[in-house]
Amino acid sequence: MPKPEVTGAVRHRQRQRRPAELSDVIEGEIAEICRDVAVQVKRIRQLQERTEELRMAIREWARESTSTSDHEPL
């Protein structure tokens, strides 16, 4: 847990910022969040593509398995 004097110093520094500086800080945070979201969206798309590739491979395997078992005697 942070010491009270450290927490107080952080609050004091935040209060000293002018509105324009605070706006820049907020804009910076929003930009960082947007970059993080973009990275996550890209990762989700990659996972979706891999999932679809796996689905197609399983379907192909199932077709081959079914067609092979159709020709084998019981």
PDB file of N, CA and C in Angstrom:
ATOM      1  N   MET A   1       0.854  -1.191   0.000  1.00  0.00           N
ATOM      2  CA  MET A   1       0.000   0.000   0.000  1.00  0.00           C
ATOM      3  C   MET A   1       0.889   1.239   0.000  1.00  0.00           C
ATOM      4  N   PRO A   2       0.601   2.224  -0.842  1.00  0.00           N
ATOM      5  CA  PRO A   2       1.442   3.416  -0.908  1.00  0.00           C
ATOM      6  C   PRO A   2       1.386   4.204   0.396  1.00  0.00           C
ATOM      7  N   LYS A   3       2.503   4.832   0.692  1.00  0.00           N
ATOM      8  CA  LYS A   3       2.551   5.661   1.891  1.00  0.00           C
ATOM      9  C   LYS A   3       1.686   6.901   1.673  1.00  0.00           C
ATOM     10  N   PRO A   4       1.062   7.397   2.726  1.00  0.00           N
ATOM     11  CA  PRO A   4       0.180   8.572   2.582  1.00  0.00           C
ATOM     12  C   PRO A   4       0.880   9.771   1.958  1.00  0.00           C
ATOM     13  N   GLU A   5       2.162   9.973   2.286  1.00  0.00           N
ATOM     14  CA  GLU A   5       2.847  11.140   1.728  1.00  0.00           C
ATOM     15  C   GLU A   5       3.066  10.982   0.225  1.00  0.00           C
ATOM     16  N   VAL A   6       3.240   9.748  -0.246  1.00  0.00           N
ATOM     17  CA  VAL A   6       3.401   9.510  -1.682  1.00  0.00           C
ATOM     18  C   VAL A   6       2.074   9.743  -2.386  1.00  0.00           C
ATOM     19  N   THR A   7       1.005   9.180  -1.842  1.00  0.00           N
ATOM     20  CA  THR A   7      -0.326   9.356  -2.425  1.00  0.00           C
ATOM     21  C   THR A   7      -0.709  10.829  -2.449  1.00  0.00           C
ATOM     22  N   GLY A   8      -0.421  11.532  -1.362  1.00  0.00           N
ATOM     23  CA  GLY A   8      -0.719  12.965  -1.288  1.00  0.00           C
ATOM     24  C   GLY A   8       0.054  13.755  -2.320  1.00  0.00           C
ATOM     25  N   ALA A   9       1.319  13.369  -2.547  1.00  0.00           N
ATOM     26  CA  ALA A   9       2.146  14.071  -3.530  1.00  0.00           C
ATOM     27  C   ALA A   9       1.597  13.873  -4.939  1.00  0.00           C
ATOM     28  N   VAL A  10       1.127  12.655  -5.224  1.00  0.00           N
ATOM     29  CA  VAL A  10       0.548  12.383  -6.543  1.00  0.00           C
ATOM     30  C   VAL A  10      -0.706  13.219  -6.731  1.00  0.00           C
ATOM     31  N   ARG A  11      -1.572  13.225  -5.729  1.00  0.00           N
ATOM     32  CA  ARG A  11      -2.794  14.033  -5.829  1.00  0.00           C
ATOM     33  C   ARG A  11      -2.456  15.500  -6.007  1.00  0.00           C
ATOM     34  N   HIS A  12      -1.447  15.964  -5.274  1.00  0.00           N
ATOM     35  CA  HIS A  12      -1.061  17.373  -5.348  1.00  0.00           C
ATOM     36  C   HIS A  12      -0.571  17.717  -6.750  1.00  0.00           C
ATOM     37  N   ARG A  13       0.238  16.825  -7.342  1.00  0.00           N
ATOM     38  CA  ARG A  13       0.718  17.070  -8.702  1.00  0.00           C
ATOM     39  C   ARG A  13      -0.435  17.086  -9.695  1.00  0.00           C
ATOM     40  N   GLN A  14      -1.395  16.197  -9.507  1.00  0.00           N
ATOM     41  CA  GLN A  14      -2.533  16.156 -10.417  1.00  0.00           C
ATOM     42  C   GLN A  14      -3.357  17.436 -10.309  1.00  0.00           C
ATOM     43  N   ARG A  15      -3.490  17.965  -9.128  1.00  0.00           N
ATOM     44  CA  ARG A  15      -4.268  19.191  -8.944  1.00  0.00           C
ATOM     45  C   ARG A  15      -3.564  20.388  -9.559  1.00  0.00           C
ATOM     46  N   GLN A  16      -2.245  20.344  -9.664  1.00  0.00           N
ATOM     47  CA  GLN A  16      -1.496  21.470 -10.189  1.00  0.00           C
ATOM     48  C   GLN A  16      -1.576  21.574 -11.705  1.00  0.00           C
ATOM     49  N   ARG A  17      -1.997  20.532 -12.359  1.00  0.00           N
ATOM     50  CA  ARG A  17      -2.074  20.567 -13.820  1.00  0.00           C
ATOM     51  C   ARG A  17      -3.156  21.529 -14.274  1.00  0.00           C
ATOM     52  N   ARG A  18      -2.837  22.235 -15.314  1.00  0.00           N
ATOM     53  CA  ARG A  18      -3.826  23.129 -15.908  1.00  0.00           C
ATOM     54  C   ARG A  18      -4.793  22.304 -16.753  1.00  0.00           C
ATOM     55  N   PRO A  19      -5.972  22.824 -17.022  1.00  0.00           N
ATOM     56  CA  PRO A  19      -6.943  22.073 -17.824  1.00  0.00           C
ATOM     57  C   PRO A  19      -6.391  21.611 -19.162  1.00  0.00           C
ATOM     58  N   ALA A  20      -5.585  22.416 -19.828  1.00  0.00           N
ATOM     59  CA  ALA A  20      -5.024  22.029 -21.126  1.00  0.00           C
ATOM     60  C   ALA A  20      -4.092  20.829 -20.953  1.00  0.00           C
ATOM     61  N   GLU A  21      -3.276  20.844 -19.900  1.00  0.00           N
ATOM     62  CA  GLU A  21      -2.375  19.726 -19.639  1.00  0.00           C
ATOM     63  C   GLU A  21      -3.178  18.469 -19.314  1.00  0.00           C
ATOM     64  N   LEU A  22      -4.206  18.633 -18.528  1.00  0.00           N
ATOM     65  CA  LEU A  22      -5.054  17.502 -18.163  1.00  0.00           C
ATOM     66  C   LEU A  22      -5.733  16.938 -19.405  1.00  0.00           C
ATOM     67  N   SER A  23      -6.165  17.820 -20.295  1.00  0.00           N
ATOM     68  CA  SER A  23      -6.774  17.393 -21.549  1.00  0.00           C
ATOM     69  C   SER A  23      -5.778  16.587 -22.377  1.00  0.00           C
ATOM     70  N   ASP A  24      -4.515  17.030 -22.416  1.00  0.00           N
ATOM     71  CA  ASP A  24      -3.479  16.302 -23.152  1.00  0.00           C
ATOM     72  C   ASP A  24      -3.246  14.926 -22.541  1.00  0.00           C
ATOM     73  N   VAL A  25      -3.247  14.861 -21.222  1.00  0.00           N
ATOM     74  CA  VAL A  25      -3.061  13.581 -20.530  1.00  0.00           C
ATOM     75  C   VAL A  25      -4.218  12.646 -20.857  1.00  0.00           C
ATOM     76  N   ILE A  26      -5.425  13.167 -20.808  1.00  0.00           N
ATOM     77  CA  ILE A  26      -6.610  12.351 -21.109  1.00  0.00           C
ATOM     78  C   ILE A  26      -6.573  11.884 -22.560  1.00  0.00           C
ATOM     79  N   GLU A  27      -6.234  12.776 -23.465  1.00  0.00           N
ATOM     80  CA  GLU A  27      -6.126  12.409 -24.887  1.00  0.00           C
ATOM     81  C   GLU A  27      -5.073  11.325 -25.085  1.00  0.00           C
ATOM     82  N   GLY A  28      -3.971  11.444 -24.365  1.00  0.00           N
ATOM     83  CA  GLY A  28      -2.918  10.431 -24.449  1.00  0.00           C
ATOM     84  C   GLY A  28      -3.405   9.077 -23.956  1.00  0.00           C
ATOM     85  N   GLU A  29      -4.133   9.084 -22.856  1.00  0.00           N
ATOM     86  CA  GLU A  29      -4.683   7.836 -22.310  1.00  0.00           C
ATOM     87  C   GLU A  29      -5.679   7.214 -23.293  1.00  0.00           C
ATOM     88  N   ILE A  30      -6.536   8.039 -23.860  1.00  0.00           N
ATOM     89  CA  ILE A  30      -7.520   7.541 -24.824  1.00  0.00           C
ATOM     90  C   ILE A  30      -6.809   6.949 -26.036  1.00  0.00           C
ATOM     91  N   ALA A  31      -5.777   7.616 -26.525  1.00  0.00           N
ATOM     92  CA  ALA A  31      -5.017   7.100 -27.677  1.00  0.00           C
ATOM     93  C   ALA A  31      -4.379   5.763 -27.337  1.00  0.00           C
ATOM     94  N   GLU A  32      -3.842   5.640 -26.131  1.00  0.00           N
ATOM     95  CA  GLU A  32      -3.224   4.377 -25.712  1.00  0.00           C
ATOM     96  C   GLU A  32      -4.262   3.259 -25.630  1.00  0.00           C
ATOM     97  N   ILE A  33      -5.418   3.564 -25.095  1.00  0.00           N
ATOM     98  CA  ILE A  33      -6.498   2.571 -25.019  1.00  0.00           C
ATOM     99  C   ILE A  33      -6.922   2.154 -26.421  1.00  0.00           C
ATOM    100  N   CYS A  34      -7.038   3.111 -27.329  1.00  0.00           N
ATOM    101  CA  CYS A  34      -7.415   2.794 -28.717  1.00  0.00           C
ATOM    102  C   CYS A  34      -6.389   1.876 -29.370  1.00  0.00           C
ATOM    103  N   ARG A  35      -5.105   2.130 -29.119  1.00  0.00           N
ATOM    104  CA  ARG A  35      -4.065   1.245 -29.663  1.00  0.00           C
ATOM    105  C   ARG A  35      -4.197  -0.151 -29.074  1.00  0.00           C
ATOM    106  N   ASP A  36      -4.433  -0.245 -27.766  1.00  0.00           N
ATOM    107  CA  ASP A  36      -4.599  -1.548 -27.115  1.00  0.00           C
ATOM    108  C   ASP A  36      -5.794  -2.298 -27.700  1.00  0.00           C
ATOM    109  N   VAL A  37      -6.891  -1.600 -27.909  1.00  0.00           N
ATOM    110  CA  VAL A  37      -8.087  -2.227 -28.477  1.00  0.00           C
ATOM    111  C   VAL A  37      -7.797  -2.707 -29.897  1.00  0.00           C
ATOM    112  N   ALA A  38      -7.091  -1.910 -30.679  1.00  0.00           N
ATOM    113  CA  ALA A  38      -6.752  -2.304 -32.051  1.00  0.00           C
ATOM    114  C   ALA A  38      -5.909  -3.577 -32.061  1.00  0.00           C
ATOM    115  N   VAL A  39      -4.960  -3.673 -31.132  1.00  0.00           N
ATOM    116  CA  VAL A  39      -4.125  -4.871 -31.030  1.00  0.00           C
ATOM    117  C   VAL A  39      -4.992  -6.079 -30.677  1.00  0.00           C
ATOM    118  N   GLN A  40      -5.908  -5.903 -29.745  1.00  0.00           N
ATOM    119  CA  GLN A  40      -6.777  -7.006 -29.337  1.00  0.00           C
ATOM    120  C   GLN A  40      -7.711  -7.431 -30.470  1.00  0.00           C
ATOM    121  N   VAL A  41      -8.234  -6.474 -31.215  1.00  0.00           N
ATOM    122  CA  VAL A  41      -9.114  -6.790 -32.348  1.00  0.00           C
ATOM    123  C   VAL A  41      -8.336  -7.582 -33.396  1.00  0.00           C
ATOM    124  N   LYS A  42      -7.100  -7.171 -33.656  1.00  0.00           N
ATOM    125  CA  LYS A  42      -6.265  -7.896 -34.617  1.00  0.00           C
ATOM    126  C   LYS A  42      -6.046  -9.327 -34.141  1.00  0.00           C
ATOM    127  N   ARG A  43      -5.780  -9.494 -32.865  1.00  0.00           N
ATOM    128  CA  ARG A  43      -5.558 -10.832 -32.296  1.00  0.00           C
ATOM    129  C   ARG A  43      -6.829 -11.676 -32.400  1.00  0.00           C
ATOM    130  N   ILE A  44      -7.974 -11.095 -32.135  1.00  0.00           N
ATOM    131  CA  ILE A  44      -9.238 -11.827 -32.248  1.00  0.00           C
ATOM    132  C   ILE A  44      -9.459 -12.270 -33.685  1.00  0.00           C
ATOM    133  N   ARG A  45      -9.180 -11.393 -34.646  1.00  0.00           N
ATOM    134  CA  ARG A  45      -9.319 -11.770 -36.062  1.00  0.00           C
ATOM    135  C   ARG A  45      -8.403 -12.934 -36.419  1.00  0.00           C
ATOM    136  N   GLN A  46      -7.176 -12.887 -35.927  1.00  0.00           N
ATOM    137  CA  GLN A  46      -6.244 -13.984 -36.182  1.00  0.00           C
ATOM    138  C   GLN A  46      -6.774 -15.291 -35.599  1.00  0.00           C
ATOM    139  N   LEU A  47      -7.315 -15.225 -34.397  1.00  0.00           N
ATOM    140  CA  LEU A  47      -7.873 -16.422 -33.765  1.00  0.00           C
ATOM    141  C   LEU A  47      -9.085 -16.937 -34.540  1.00  0.00           C
ATOM    142  N   GLN A  48      -9.908 -16.017 -35.038  1.00  0.00           N
ATOM    143  CA  GLN A  48     -11.059 -16.431 -35.838  1.00  0.00           C
ATOM    144  C   GLN A  48     -10.605 -17.130 -37.120  1.00  0.00           C
ATOM    145  N   GLU A  49      -9.570 -16.603 -37.760  1.00  0.00           N
ATOM    146  CA  GLU A  49      -9.045 -17.220 -38.981  1.00  0.00           C
ATOM    147  C   GLU A  49      -8.501 -18.612 -38.689  1.00  0.00           C
ATOM    148  N   ARG A  50      -7.757 -18.746 -37.611  1.00  0.00           N
ATOM    149  CA  ARG A  50      -7.215 -20.054 -37.240  1.00  0.00           C
ATOM    150  C   ARG A  50      -8.331 -21.030 -36.919  1.00  0.00           C
ATOM    151  N   THR A  51      -9.366 -20.546 -36.252  1.00  0.00           N
ATOM    152  CA  THR A  51     -10.511 -21.400 -35.919  1.00  0.00           C
ATOM    153  C   THR A  51     -11.186 -21.891 -37.182  1.00  0.00           C
ATOM    154  N   GLU A  52     -11.374 -21.004 -38.147  1.00  0.00           N
ATOM    155  CA  GLU A  52     -12.012 -21.391 -39.411  1.00  0.00           C
ATOM    156  C   GLU A  52     -11.148 -22.399 -40.162  1.00  0.00           C
ATOM    157  N   GLU A  53      -9.834 -22.194 -40.169  1.00  0.00           N
ATOM    158  CA  GLU A  53      -8.932 -23.153 -40.815  1.00  0.00           C
ATOM    159  C   GLU A  53      -9.039 -24.522 -40.148  1.00  0.00           C
ATOM    160  N   LEU A  54      -9.114 -24.535 -38.842  1.00  0.00           N
ATOM    161  CA  LEU A  54      -9.255 -25.793 -38.107  1.00  0.00           C
ATOM    162  C   LEU A  54     -10.591 -26.457 -38.415  1.00  0.00           C
ATOM    163  N   ARG A  55     -11.658 -25.669 -38.479  1.00  0.00           N
ATOM    164  CA  ARG A  55     -12.979 -26.206 -38.839  1.00  0.00           C
ATOM    165  C   ARG A  55     -12.929 -26.891 -40.206  1.00  0.00           C
ATOM    166  N   MET A  56     -12.322 -26.190 -41.164  1.00  0.00           N
ATOM    167  CA  MET A  56     -12.239 -26.745 -42.515  1.00  0.00           C
ATOM    168  C   MET A  56     -11.410 -28.030 -42.529  1.00  0.00           C
ATOM    169  N   ALA A  57     -10.321 -28.063 -41.778  1.00  0.00           N
ATOM    170  CA  ALA A  57      -9.484 -29.257 -41.713  1.00  0.00           C
ATOM    171  C   ALA A  57     -10.249 -30.421 -41.087  1.00  0.00           C
ATOM    172  N   ILE A  58     -11.013 -30.153 -40.060  1.00  0.00           N
ATOM    173  CA  ILE A  58     -11.808 -31.206 -39.408  1.00  0.00           C
ATOM    174  C   ILE A  58     -12.888 -31.714 -40.354  1.00  0.00           C
ATOM    175  N   ARG A  59     -13.547 -30.805 -41.069  1.00  0.00           N
ATOM    176  CA  ARG A  59     -14.577 -31.227 -42.032  1.00  0.00           C
ATOM    177  C   ARG A  59     -13.970 -32.109 -43.124  1.00  0.00           C
ATOM    178  N   GLU A  60     -12.803 -31.704 -43.622  1.00  0.00           N
ATOM    179  CA  GLU A  60     -12.129 -32.493 -44.657  1.00  0.00           C
ATOM    180  C   GLU A  60     -11.751 -33.866 -44.100  1.00  0.00           C
ATOM    181  N   TRP A  61     -11.223 -33.887 -42.910  1.00  0.00           N
ATOM    182  CA  TRP A  61     -10.852 -35.143 -42.272  1.00  0.00           C
ATOM    183  C   TRP A  61     -12.086 -36.031 -42.099  1.00  0.00           C
ATOM    184  N   ALA A  62     -13.194 -35.434 -41.676  1.00  0.00           N
ATOM    185  CA  ALA A  62     -14.431 -36.205 -41.475  1.00  0.00           C
ATOM    186  C   ALA A  62     -14.942 -36.758 -42.806  1.00  0.00           C
ATOM    187  N   ARG A  63     -14.867 -35.965 -43.877  1.00  0.00           N
ATOM    188  CA  ARG A  63     -15.287 -36.438 -45.203  1.00  0.00           C
ATOM    189  C   ARG A  63     -14.424 -37.620 -45.652  1.00  0.00           C
ATOM    190  N   GLU A  64     -13.120 -37.468 -45.495  1.00  0.00           N
ATOM    191  CA  GLU A  64     -12.206 -38.544 -45.885  1.00  0.00           C
ATOM    192  C   GLU A  64     -12.466 -39.796 -45.053  1.00  0.00           C
ATOM    193  N   SER A  65     -12.693 -39.598 -43.790  1.00  0.00           N
ATOM    194  CA  SER A  65     -12.952 -40.715 -42.889  1.00  0.00           C
ATOM    195  C   SER A  65     -14.250 -41.420 -43.271  1.00  0.00           C
ATOM    196  N   THR A  66     -15.274 -40.657 -43.602  1.00  0.00           N
ATOM    197  CA  THR A  66     -16.573 -41.212 -43.993  1.00  0.00           C
ATOM    198  C   THR A  66     -16.469 -41.925 -45.329  1.00  0.00           C
ATOM    199  N   SER A  67     -15.784 -41.319 -46.290  1.00  0.00           N
ATOM    200  CA  SER A  67     -15.686 -41.943 -47.616  1.00  0.00           C
ATOM    201  C   SER A  67     -14.830 -43.214 -47.544  1.00  0.00           C
ATOM    202  N   THR A  68     -13.844 -43.251 -46.720  1.00  0.00           N
ATOM    203  CA  THR A  68     -13.012 -44.448 -46.558  1.00  0.00           C
ATOM    204  C   THR A  68     -13.806 -45.550 -45.890  1.00  0.00           C
ATOM    205  N   SER A  69     -14.571 -45.217 -44.873  1.00  0.00           N
ATOM    206  CA  SER A  69     -15.337 -46.249 -44.152  1.00  0.00           C
ATOM    207  C   SER A  69     -16.505 -46.757 -44.987  1.00  0.00           C
ATOM    208  N   ASP A  70     -16.988 -45.996 -45.974  1.00  0.00           N
ATOM    209  CA  ASP A  70     -18.064 -46.428 -46.854  1.00  0.00           C
ATOM    210  C   ASP A  70     -17.596 -47.570 -47.761  1.00  0.00           C
ATOM    211  N   HIS A  71     -16.326 -47.587 -48.100  1.00  0.00           N
ATOM    212  CA  HIS A  71     -15.805 -48.580 -49.022  1.00  0.00           C
ATOM    213  C   HIS A  71     -15.266 -49.828 -48.321  1.00  0.00           C
ATOM    214  N   GLU A  72     -15.112 -49.779 -47.027  1.00  0.00           N
ATOM    215  CA  GLU A  72     -14.580 -50.925 -46.294  1.00  0.00           C
ATOM    216  C   GLU A  72     -15.708 -51.868 -45.911  1.00  0.00           C
ATOM    217  N   PRO A  73     -15.482 -53.161 -46.031  1.00  0.00           N
ATOM    218  CA  PRO A  73     -16.519 -54.110 -45.602  1.00  0.00           C
ATOM    219  C   PRO A  73     -16.639 -54.121 -44.083  1.00  0.00           C
ATOM    220  N   LEU A  74     -17.809 -54.420 -43.617  1.00  0.00           N
ATOM    221  CA  LEU A  74     -18.057 -54.483 -42.166  1.00  0.00           C
ATOM    222  C   LEU A  74     -17.629 -55.766 -41.564  1.00  0.00           C
TER     223      LEU A  74
END
